């Protein structure tokens, strides 16, 4: 659910644009649905969509040693499996999470994208994408030496997501 602060920010931003905002309650629905109707797609609408989708994440707990951390998922570069465990990587650290990758795919904002059977990447943190002759690609991130590999199967999906984010 959206916080009141987010709704206020979105409302104030669009006041000058004469955007109509309606809330319709439907007890037969299982979950909220947001529909944006417009005469054309604009950068502002795309930004609004991204802001709404970023609200999707519930609180995610990260674990390291005996401590529990509550990190902003925007700081996560990627999630990957290591044996039976799943780790979320920041530029400097790796933290264990209790969710499975398929559960994370459902929880995480639209910027997160599956790039292999064992990895989900934060497209907003990608610095470069290097394609090799073998068909695999390597993702490099801002301000860190960490890298992950993109399988051929997921390469096109990642490219599409990166283009959407521009």
Foldseek 3Di string as FASTA:
>chain_A
DDDPVLVVVVCVVCVVVPDDDDDDDDVVDPDDDDDDDDPDDDPVVLVVVQSVLQVQADFWWWADDHDIDTDRCLQFFKWFDDVPWIWTDGQPDITTGDDDPVVCVNRHGLQWADQDPTMIGRVVFFDDWAADPVQKIKTDGPPHPDIDIGHNVCVVVSVVSNVSVD
